[in-house]
Amino acid sequence: MSGALASYGVDSHDLYRRAASYVDRILKGEKPGELPVQEATKFELVINLKAARALGLTFPPTLLATADEVIE
């Protein structure tokens, strides 16, 4: 996350892991059209304090405490 102030979105590592299980099931003979659609269940919040300082912004300490990653 270069230059962004904050990001909230799906955890891509979790999506890749779940996609691998789908590939495994397909390779074992299941039909792709019969597999259930899965929604993302894991999200992550990343806050860039360096960008915030450059813009003269501050984040509440409670938000910083709940962030998955804080970039100094």
PDB file of N, CA and C in Angstrom:
ATOM      1  N   MET A   1       0.856  -1.171   0.000  1.00  0.00           N
ATOM      2  CA  MET A   1       0.000   0.000   0.000  1.00  0.00           C
ATOM      3  C   MET A   1       0.899   1.229   0.000  1.00  0.00           C
ATOM      4  N   SER A   2       1.251   1.721  -1.136  1.00  0.00           N
ATOM      5  CA  SER A   2       2.166   2.828  -1.266  1.00  0.00           C
ATOM      6  C   SER A   2       1.413   4.129  -1.518  1.00  0.00           C
ATOM      7  N   GLY A   3       1.482   5.068  -0.575  1.00  0.00           N
ATOM      8  CA  GLY A   3       0.866   6.373  -0.748  1.00  0.00           C
ATOM      9  C   GLY A   3      -0.601   6.446  -0.400  1.00  0.00           C
ATOM     10  N   ALA A   4      -1.248   5.327  -0.136  1.00  0.00           N
ATOM     11  CA  ALA A   4      -2.664   5.343   0.227  1.00  0.00           C
ATOM     12  C   ALA A   4      -2.807   5.744   1.689  1.00  0.00           C
ATOM     13  N   LEU A   5      -3.930   6.351   2.024  1.00  0.00           N
ATOM     14  CA  LEU A   5      -4.179   6.770   3.401  1.00  0.00           C
ATOM     15  C   LEU A   5      -4.690   5.606   4.237  1.00  0.00           C
ATOM     16  N   ALA A   6      -5.666   4.893   3.713  1.00  0.00           N
ATOM     17  CA  ALA A   6      -6.232   3.746   4.416  1.00  0.00           C
ATOM     18  C   ALA A   6      -6.858   2.797   3.403  1.00  0.00           C
ATOM     19  N   SER A   7      -6.955   1.560   3.815  1.00  0.00           N
ATOM     20  CA  SER A   7      -7.546   0.549   2.956  1.00  0.00           C
ATOM     21  C   SER A   7      -8.367  -0.403   3.806  1.00  0.00           C
ATOM     22  N   TYR A   8      -9.584  -0.709   3.337  1.00  0.00           N
ATOM     23  CA  TYR A   8     -10.422  -1.701   3.999  1.00  0.00           C
ATOM     24  C   TYR A   8     -10.962  -2.617   2.915  1.00  0.00           C
ATOM     25  N   GLY A   9     -10.636  -3.875   3.002  1.00  0.00           N
ATOM     26  CA  GLY A   9     -11.093  -4.803   1.973  1.00  0.00           C
ATOM     27  C   GLY A   9     -10.861  -6.238   2.363  1.00  0.00           C
ATOM     28  N   VAL A  10     -11.138  -7.109   1.425  1.00  0.00           N
ATOM     29  CA  VAL A  10     -11.015  -8.540   1.703  1.00  0.00           C
ATOM     30  C   VAL A  10      -9.556  -8.923   1.911  1.00  0.00           C
ATOM     31  N   ASP A  11      -9.353  -9.931   2.723  1.00  0.00           N
ATOM     32  CA  ASP A  11      -8.022 -10.480   2.968  1.00  0.00           C
ATOM     33  C   ASP A  11      -7.679 -11.380   1.791  1.00  0.00           C
ATOM     34  N   SER A  12      -6.784 -10.940   0.928  1.00  0.00           N
ATOM     35  CA  SER A  12      -6.471 -11.685  -0.296  1.00  0.00           C
ATOM     36  C   SER A  12      -5.856 -13.054  -0.003  1.00  0.00           C
ATOM     37  N   HIS A  13      -5.088 -13.176   1.065  1.00  0.00           N
ATOM     38  CA  HIS A  13      -4.500 -14.472   1.400  1.00  0.00           C
ATOM     39  C   HIS A  13      -5.593 -15.495   1.712  1.00  0.00           C
ATOM     40  N   ASP A  14      -6.628 -15.060   2.401  1.00  0.00           N
ATOM     41  CA  ASP A  14      -7.744 -15.947   2.711  1.00  0.00           C
ATOM     42  C   ASP A  14      -8.476 -16.361   1.439  1.00  0.00           C
ATOM     43  N   LEU A  15      -8.655 -15.420   0.504  1.00  0.00           N
ATOM     44  CA  LEU A  15      -9.317 -15.738  -0.756  1.00  0.00           C
ATOM     45  C   LEU A  15      -8.529 -16.770  -1.559  1.00  0.00           C
ATOM     46  N   TYR A  16      -7.208 -16.613  -1.606  1.00  0.00           N
ATOM     47  CA  TYR A  16      -6.369 -17.560  -2.340  1.00  0.00           C
ATOM     48  C   TYR A  16      -6.441 -18.955  -1.724  1.00  0.00           C
ATOM     49  N   ARG A  17      -6.437 -19.017  -0.408  1.00  0.00           N
ATOM     50  CA  ARG A  17      -6.511 -20.304   0.280  1.00  0.00           C
ATOM     51  C   ARG A  17      -7.834 -20.993  -0.029  1.00  0.00           C
ATOM     52  N   ARG A  18      -8.919 -20.229   0.002  1.00  0.00           N
ATOM     53  CA  ARG A  18     -10.231 -20.802  -0.285  1.00  0.00           C
ATOM     54  C   ARG A  18     -10.357 -21.190  -1.759  1.00  0.00           C
ATOM     55  N   ALA A  19      -9.735 -20.438  -2.652  1.00  0.00           N
ATOM     56  CA  ALA A  19      -9.763 -20.777  -4.078  1.00  0.00           C
ATOM     57  C   ALA A  19      -9.031 -22.094  -4.307  1.00  0.00           C
ATOM     58  N   ALA A  20      -7.963 -22.331  -3.578  1.00  0.00           N
ATOM     59  CA  ALA A  20      -7.217 -23.574  -3.723  1.00  0.00           C
ATOM     60  C   ALA A  20      -8.083 -24.774  -3.363  1.00  0.00           C
ATOM     61  N   SER A  21      -8.933 -24.628  -2.374  1.00  0.00           N
ATOM     62  CA  SER A  21      -9.813 -25.745  -2.012  1.00  0.00           C
ATOM     63  C   SER A  21     -10.835 -26.004  -3.117  1.00  0.00           C
ATOM     64  N   TYR A  22     -11.266 -24.957  -3.805  1.00  0.00           N
ATOM     65  CA  TYR A  22     -12.170 -25.125  -4.949  1.00  0.00           C
ATOM     66  C   TYR A  22     -11.469 -25.884  -6.077  1.00  0.00           C
ATOM     67  N   VAL A  23     -10.250 -25.510  -6.380  1.00  0.00           N
ATOM     68  CA  VAL A  23      -9.478 -26.180  -7.433  1.00  0.00           C
ATOM     69  C   VAL A  23      -9.318 -27.659  -7.075  1.00  0.00           C
ATOM     70  N   ASP A  24      -9.023 -27.935  -5.820  1.00  0.00           N
ATOM     71  CA  ASP A  24      -8.865 -29.307  -5.371  1.00  0.00           C
ATOM     72  C   ASP A  24     -10.150 -30.108  -5.590  1.00  0.00           C
ATOM     73  N   ARG A  25     -11.274 -29.509  -5.235  1.00  0.00           N
ATOM     74  CA  ARG A  25     -12.559 -30.204  -5.406  1.00  0.00           C
ATOM     75  C   ARG A  25     -12.871 -30.460  -6.885  1.00  0.00           C
ATOM     76  N   ILE A  26     -12.545 -29.505  -7.733  1.00  0.00           N
ATOM     77  CA  ILE A  26     -12.784 -29.670  -9.179  1.00  0.00           C
ATOM     78  C   ILE A  26     -11.883 -30.770  -9.746  1.00  0.00           C
ATOM     79  N   LEU A  27     -10.626 -30.767  -9.328  1.00  0.00           N
ATOM     80  CA  LEU A  27      -9.696 -31.789  -9.807  1.00  0.00           C
ATOM     81  C   LEU A  27     -10.078 -33.192  -9.328  1.00  0.00           C
ATOM     82  N   LYS A  28     -10.823 -33.257  -8.239  1.00  0.00           N
ATOM     83  CA  LYS A  28     -11.276 -34.551  -7.726  1.00  0.00           C
ATOM     84  C   LYS A  28     -12.594 -34.986  -8.379  1.00  0.00           C
ATOM     85  N   GLY A  29     -13.107 -34.177  -9.326  1.00  0.00           N
ATOM     86  CA  GLY A  29     -14.264 -34.609 -10.093  1.00  0.00           C
ATOM     87  C   GLY A  29     -15.565 -33.871  -9.868  1.00  0.00           C
ATOM     88  N   GLU A  30     -15.624 -32.931  -8.925  1.00  0.00           N
ATOM     89  CA  GLU A  30     -16.864 -32.186  -8.718  1.00  0.00           C
ATOM     90  C   GLU A  30     -17.085 -31.217  -9.876  1.00  0.00           C
ATOM     91  N   LYS A  31     -18.331 -30.997 -10.212  1.00  0.00           N
ATOM     92  CA  LYS A  31     -18.649 -30.089 -11.302  1.00  0.00           C
ATOM     93  C   LYS A  31     -18.632 -28.647 -10.783  1.00  0.00           C
ATOM     94  N   PRO A  32     -17.925 -27.748 -11.464  1.00  0.00           N
ATOM     95  CA  PRO A  32     -17.828 -26.357 -11.014  1.00  0.00           C
ATOM     96  C   PRO A  32     -19.195 -25.688 -10.825  1.00  0.00           C
ATOM     97  N   GLY A  33     -20.149 -26.018 -11.695  1.00  0.00           N
ATOM     98  CA  GLY A  33     -21.476 -25.407 -11.588  1.00  0.00           C
ATOM     99  C   GLY A  33     -22.255 -25.841 -10.371  1.00  0.00           C
ATOM    100  N   GLU A  34     -21.820 -26.906  -9.736  1.00  0.00           N
ATOM    101  CA  GLU A  34     -22.517 -27.413  -8.557  1.00  0.00           C
ATOM    102  C   GLU A  34     -21.870 -26.974  -7.243  1.00  0.00           C
ATOM    103  N   LEU A  35     -20.736 -26.317  -7.330  1.00  0.00           N
ATOM    104  CA  LEU A  35     -20.077 -25.826  -6.116  1.00  0.00           C
ATOM    105  C   LEU A  35     -20.791 -24.577  -5.606  1.00  0.00           C
ATOM    106  N   PRO A  36     -20.904 -24.424  -4.296  1.00  0.00           N
ATOM    107  CA  PRO A  36     -21.577 -23.249  -3.752  1.00  0.00           C
ATOM    108  C   PRO A  36     -20.748 -21.976  -3.950  1.00  0.00           C
ATOM    109  N   VAL A  37     -21.438 -20.867  -4.103  1.00  0.00           N
ATOM    110  CA  VAL A  37     -20.763 -19.568  -4.198  1.00  0.00           C
ATOM    111  C   VAL A  37     -20.413 -19.134  -2.782  1.00  0.00           C
ATOM    112  N   GLN A  38     -19.184 -18.723  -2.601  1.00  0.00           N
ATOM    113  CA  GLN A  38     -18.749 -18.285  -1.277  1.00  0.00           C
ATOM    114  C   GLN A  38     -18.470 -16.796  -1.285  1.00  0.00           C
ATOM    115  N   GLU A  39     -18.862 -16.154  -0.206  1.00  0.00           N
ATOM    116  CA  GLU A  39     -18.582 -14.729  -0.036  1.00  0.00           C
ATOM    117  C   GLU A  39     -17.345 -14.573   0.842  1.00  0.00           C
ATOM    118  N   ALA A  40     -16.716 -13.447   0.720  1.00  0.00           N
ATOM    119  CA  ALA A  40     -15.565 -13.157   1.570  1.00  0.00           C
ATOM    120  C   ALA A  40     -16.030 -13.064   3.021  1.00  0.00           C
ATOM    121  N   THR A  41     -15.249 -13.627   3.907  1.00  0.00           N
ATOM    122  CA  THR A  41     -15.607 -13.608   5.324  1.00  0.00           C
ATOM    123  C   THR A  41     -14.564 -12.892   6.170  1.00  0.00           C
ATOM    124  N   LYS A  42     -13.404 -12.655   5.595  1.00  0.00           N
ATOM    125  CA  LYS A  42     -12.305 -12.045   6.335  1.00  0.00           C
ATOM    126  C   LYS A  42     -11.910 -10.733   5.660  1.00  0.00           C
ATOM    127  N   PHE A  43     -11.922  -9.657   6.413  1.00  0.00           N
ATOM    128  CA  PHE A  43     -11.567  -8.341   5.906  1.00  0.00           C
ATOM    129  C   PHE A  43     -10.415  -7.780   6.724  1.00  0.00           C
ATOM    130  N   GLU A  44      -9.673  -6.843   6.129  1.00  0.00           N
ATOM    131  CA  GLU A  44      -8.567  -6.241   6.866  1.00  0.00           C
ATOM    132  C   GLU A  44      -8.557  -4.725   6.680  1.00  0.00           C
ATOM    133  N   LEU A  45      -8.133  -4.047   7.730  1.00  0.00           N
ATOM    134  CA  LEU A  45      -8.021  -2.592   7.729  1.00  0.00           C
ATOM    135  C   LEU A  45      -6.552  -2.232   7.858  1.00  0.00           C
ATOM    136  N   VAL A  46      -6.054  -1.440   6.911  1.00  0.00           N
ATOM    137  CA  VAL A  46      -4.665  -0.981   6.939  1.00  0.00           C
ATOM    138  C   VAL A  46      -4.687   0.547   6.944  1.00  0.00           C
ATOM    139  N   ILE A  47      -3.944   1.142   7.865  1.00  0.00           N
ATOM    140  CA  ILE A  47      -3.874   2.606   7.985  1.00  0.00           C
ATOM    141  C   ILE A  47      -2.434   3.043   7.816  1.00  0.00           C
ATOM    142  N   ASN A  48      -2.229   4.052   6.982  1.00  0.00           N
ATOM    143  CA  ASN A  48      -0.896   4.577   6.702  1.00  0.00           C
ATOM    144  C   ASN A  48      -0.725   5.896   7.464  1.00  0.00           C
ATOM    145  N   LEU A  49      -0.040   5.836   8.610  1.00  0.00           N
ATOM    146  CA  LEU A  49       0.164   7.039   9.420  1.00  0.00           C
ATOM    147  C   LEU A  49       1.112   8.030   8.755  1.00  0.00           C
ATOM    148  N   LYS A  50       2.037   7.529   7.957  1.00  0.00           N
ATOM    149  CA  LYS A  50       2.974   8.413   7.257  1.00  0.00           C
ATOM    150  C   LYS A  50       2.207   9.323   6.296  1.00  0.00           C
ATOM    151  N   ALA A  51       1.265   8.748   5.544  1.00  0.00           N
ATOM    152  CA  ALA A  51       0.444   9.538   4.621  1.00  0.00           C
ATOM    153  C   ALA A  51      -0.484  10.475   5.399  1.00  0.00           C
ATOM    154  N   ALA A  52      -1.009  10.007   6.526  1.00  0.00           N
ATOM    155  CA  ALA A  52      -1.898  10.843   7.339  1.00  0.00           C
ATOM    156  C   ALA A  52      -1.149  12.065   7.866  1.00  0.00           C
ATOM    157  N   ARG A  53       0.060  11.851   8.346  1.00  0.00           N
ATOM    158  CA  ARG A  53       0.861  12.982   8.849  1.00  0.00           C
ATOM    159  C   ARG A  53       1.161  13.984   7.728  1.00  0.00           C
ATOM    160  N   ALA A  54       1.468  13.486   6.541  1.00  0.00           N
ATOM    161  CA  ALA A  54       1.766  14.365   5.401  1.00  0.00           C
ATOM    162  C   ALA A  54       0.558  15.218   5.039  1.00  0.00           C
ATOM    163  N   LEU A  55      -0.650  14.688   5.288  1.00  0.00           N
ATOM    164  CA  LEU A  55      -1.880  15.434   4.995  1.00  0.00           C
ATOM    165  C   LEU A  55      -2.396  16.223   6.196  1.00  0.00           C
ATOM    166  N   GLY A  56      -1.722  16.093   7.336  1.00  0.00           N
ATOM    167  CA  GLY A  56      -2.141  16.795   8.545  1.00  0.00           C
ATOM    168  C   GLY A  56      -3.371  16.177   9.189  1.00  0.00           C
ATOM    169  N   LEU A  57      -3.557  14.867   9.003  1.00  0.00           N
ATOM    170  CA  LEU A  57      -4.718  14.168   9.547  1.00  0.00           C
ATOM    171  C   LEU A  57      -4.320  13.292  10.724  1.00  0.00           C
ATOM    172  N   THR A  58      -5.286  13.023  11.585  1.00  0.00           N
ATOM    173  CA  THR A  58      -5.061  12.097  12.696  1.00  0.00           C
ATOM    174  C   THR A  58      -6.198  11.082  12.721  1.00  0.00           C
ATOM    175  N   PHE A  59      -5.894   9.914  13.242  1.00  0.00           N
ATOM    176  CA  PHE A  59      -6.890   8.859  13.418  1.00  0.00           C
ATOM    177  C   PHE A  59      -7.124   8.676  14.911  1.00  0.00           C
ATOM    178  N   PRO A  60      -8.348   8.406  15.313  1.00  0.00           N
ATOM    179  CA  PRO A  60      -8.604   8.136  16.735  1.00  0.00           C
ATOM    180  C   PRO A  60      -7.830   6.887  17.188  1.00  0.00           C
ATOM    181  N   PRO A  61      -7.335   6.895  18.420  1.00  0.00           N
ATOM    182  CA  PRO A  61      -6.573   5.741  18.931  1.00  0.00           C
ATOM    183  C   PRO A  61      -7.376   4.440  18.877  1.00  0.00           C
ATOM    184  N   THR A  62      -8.680   4.516  19.057  1.00  0.00           N
ATOM    185  CA  THR A  62      -9.489   3.289  19.015  1.00  0.00           C
ATOM    186  C   THR A  62      -9.492   2.686  17.617  1.00  0.00           C
ATOM    187  N   LEU A  63      -9.475   3.513  16.586  1.00  0.00           N
ATOM    188  CA  LEU A  63      -9.427   3.001  15.211  1.00  0.00           C
ATOM    189  C   LEU A  63      -8.061   2.388  14.924  1.00  0.00           C
ATOM    190  N   LEU A  64      -7.009   3.029  15.405  1.00  0.00           N
ATOM    191  CA  LEU A  64      -5.662   2.490  15.222  1.00  0.00           C
ATOM    192  C   LEU A  64      -5.510   1.137  15.940  1.00  0.00           C
ATOM    193  N   ALA A  65      -6.164   1.014  17.078  1.00  0.00           N
ATOM    194  CA  ALA A  65      -6.079  -0.239  17.847  1.00  0.00           C
ATOM    195  C   ALA A  65      -6.798  -1.384  17.133  1.00  0.00           C
ATOM    196  N   THR A  66      -7.822  -1.077  16.373  1.00  0.00           N
ATOM    197  CA  THR A  66      -8.577  -2.133  15.694  1.00  0.00           C
ATOM    198  C   THR A  66      -8.004  -2.463  14.316  1.00  0.00           C
ATOM    199  N   ALA A  67      -7.082  -1.655  13.820  1.00  0.00           N
ATOM    200  CA  ALA A  67      -6.513  -1.886  12.492  1.00  0.00           C
ATOM    201  C   ALA A  67      -5.673  -3.164  12.495  1.00  0.00           C
ATOM    202  N   ASP A  68      -5.721  -3.882  11.371  1.00  0.00           N
ATOM    203  CA  ASP A  68      -4.916  -5.093  11.225  1.00  0.00           C
ATOM    204  C   ASP A  68      -3.448  -4.748  10.997  1.00  0.00           C
ATOM    205  N   GLU A  69      -3.204  -3.601  10.358  1.00  0.00           N
ATOM    206  CA  GLU A  69      -1.827  -3.168  10.107  1.00  0.00           C
ATOM    207  C   GLU A  69      -1.800  -1.641  10.137  1.00  0.00           C
ATOM    208  N   VAL A  70      -0.786  -1.094  10.802  1.00  0.00           N
ATOM    209  CA  VAL A  70      -0.565   0.350  10.861  1.00  0.00           C
ATOM    210  C   VAL A  70       0.825   0.601  10.306  1.00  0.00           C
ATOM    211  N   ILE A  71       0.890   1.374   9.231  1.00  0.00           N
ATOM    212  CA  ILE A  71       2.168   1.700   8.592  1.00  0.00           C
ATOM    213  C   ILE A  71       2.677   2.987   9.213  1.00  0.00           C
ATOM    214  N   GLU A  72       3.868   2.910   9.819  1.00  0.00           N
ATOM    215  CA  GLU A  72       4.449   4.082  10.481  1.00  0.00           C
ATOM    216  C   GLU A  72       5.083   4.933   9.462  1.00  0.00           C
TER     217      GLU A  72
END
